[in-house]
C-alpha cells in the first residue's frame, strides 16, 4: 500500500504532466490563430490593392 507521501507525489506529478499538456495545447492553438489572422489580413490587403489598381486604371 502506498504511503500518503507517495500518493501526494504521484498526484503532483500527474497534475504537472496535465498542466504541461494543457500549456502545449494552448500554445499550438495560439499559433494557429496567429497564422489564420495573418493569412486573413494578407488576403484583405491583396483584395484592397487589387481594387485600388482597378479603380486607378482607365478603361
Protein backbone atom coordinates (compact mmCIF):
# COMPACT_ATOMS: atom_id res chain seq x y z
CA UNK A 1 0.00 0.00 0.00
CA UNK A 2 1.20 3.49 -0.87
CA UNK A 3 2.05 5.93 1.86
CA UNK A 4 0.45 9.37 1.96
CA UNK A 5 3.70 10.94 0.73
CA UNK A 6 3.82 8.60 -2.27
CA UNK A 7 0.19 9.34 -3.14
CA UNK A 8 0.77 13.08 -2.91
CA UNK A 9 3.94 12.83 -5.00
CA UNK A 10 2.11 10.81 -7.66
CA UNK A 11 -0.80 13.30 -7.74
CA UNK A 12 1.62 16.22 -8.04
CA UNK A 13 3.46 14.51 -10.92
CA UNK A 14 0.19 13.78 -12.74
CA UNK A 15 -1.02 17.35 -12.22
CA UNK A 16 2.27 18.70 -13.55
CA UNK A 17 2.04 16.50 -16.64
CA UNK A 18 -1.55 17.64 -17.25
CA UNK A 19 -0.53 21.28 -16.85
CA UNK A 20 2.29 20.85 -19.38
CA UNK A 21 -0.09 19.16 -21.82
CA UNK A 22 -2.64 21.96 -21.48
CA UNK A 23 0.06 24.62 -21.88
CA UNK A 24 1.37 22.94 -25.03
CA UNK A 25 -2.15 22.71 -26.43
CA UNK A 26 -2.78 26.38 -25.70
CA UNK A 27 0.47 27.35 -27.41
CA UNK A 28 -0.46 25.35 -30.51
CA UNK A 29 -3.94 26.91 -30.58
CA UNK A 30 -2.48 30.41 -30.19
CA UNK A 31 -0.02 29.87 -33.03
CA UNK A 32 -2.81 28.58 -35.27
CA UNK A 33 -4.87 31.66 -34.51
CA UNK A 34 -1.89 33.89 -35.34
CA UNK A 35 -1.40 32.12 -38.67
CA UNK A 36 -5.10 32.38 -39.53
CA UNK A 37 -5.15 36.09 -38.67
CA UNK A 38 -2.01 36.72 -40.72
CA UNK A 39 -3.41 34.86 -43.73
CA UNK A 40 -6.74 36.68 -43.48
CA UNK A 41 -5.01 40.07 -43.15
CA UNK A 42 -2.79 39.34 -46.15
CA UNK A 43 -5.86 38.37 -48.16
CA UNK A 44 -7.66 41.57 -47.21
CA UNK A 45 -4.63 43.66 -48.15
CA UNK A 46 -4.30 41.92 -51.50
CA UNK A 47 -8.00 42.45 -52.18
CA UNK A 48 -7.76 46.14 -51.29
CA UNK A 49 -4.70 46.59 -53.50
CA UNK A 50 -6.47 44.85 -56.37
CA UNK A 51 -9.47 47.15 -56.00
CA UNK A 52 -7.26 50.25 -55.91
CA UNK A 53 -5.49 49.19 -59.10
CA UNK A 54 -8.83 48.51 -60.78
CA UNK A 55 -10.13 51.96 -59.82
CA UNK A 56 -6.98 53.80 -60.97
CA UNK A 57 -6.74 52.01 -64.32
CA UNK A 58 -8.69 53.82 -67.05
CA UNK A 59 -10.87 51.61 -69.17
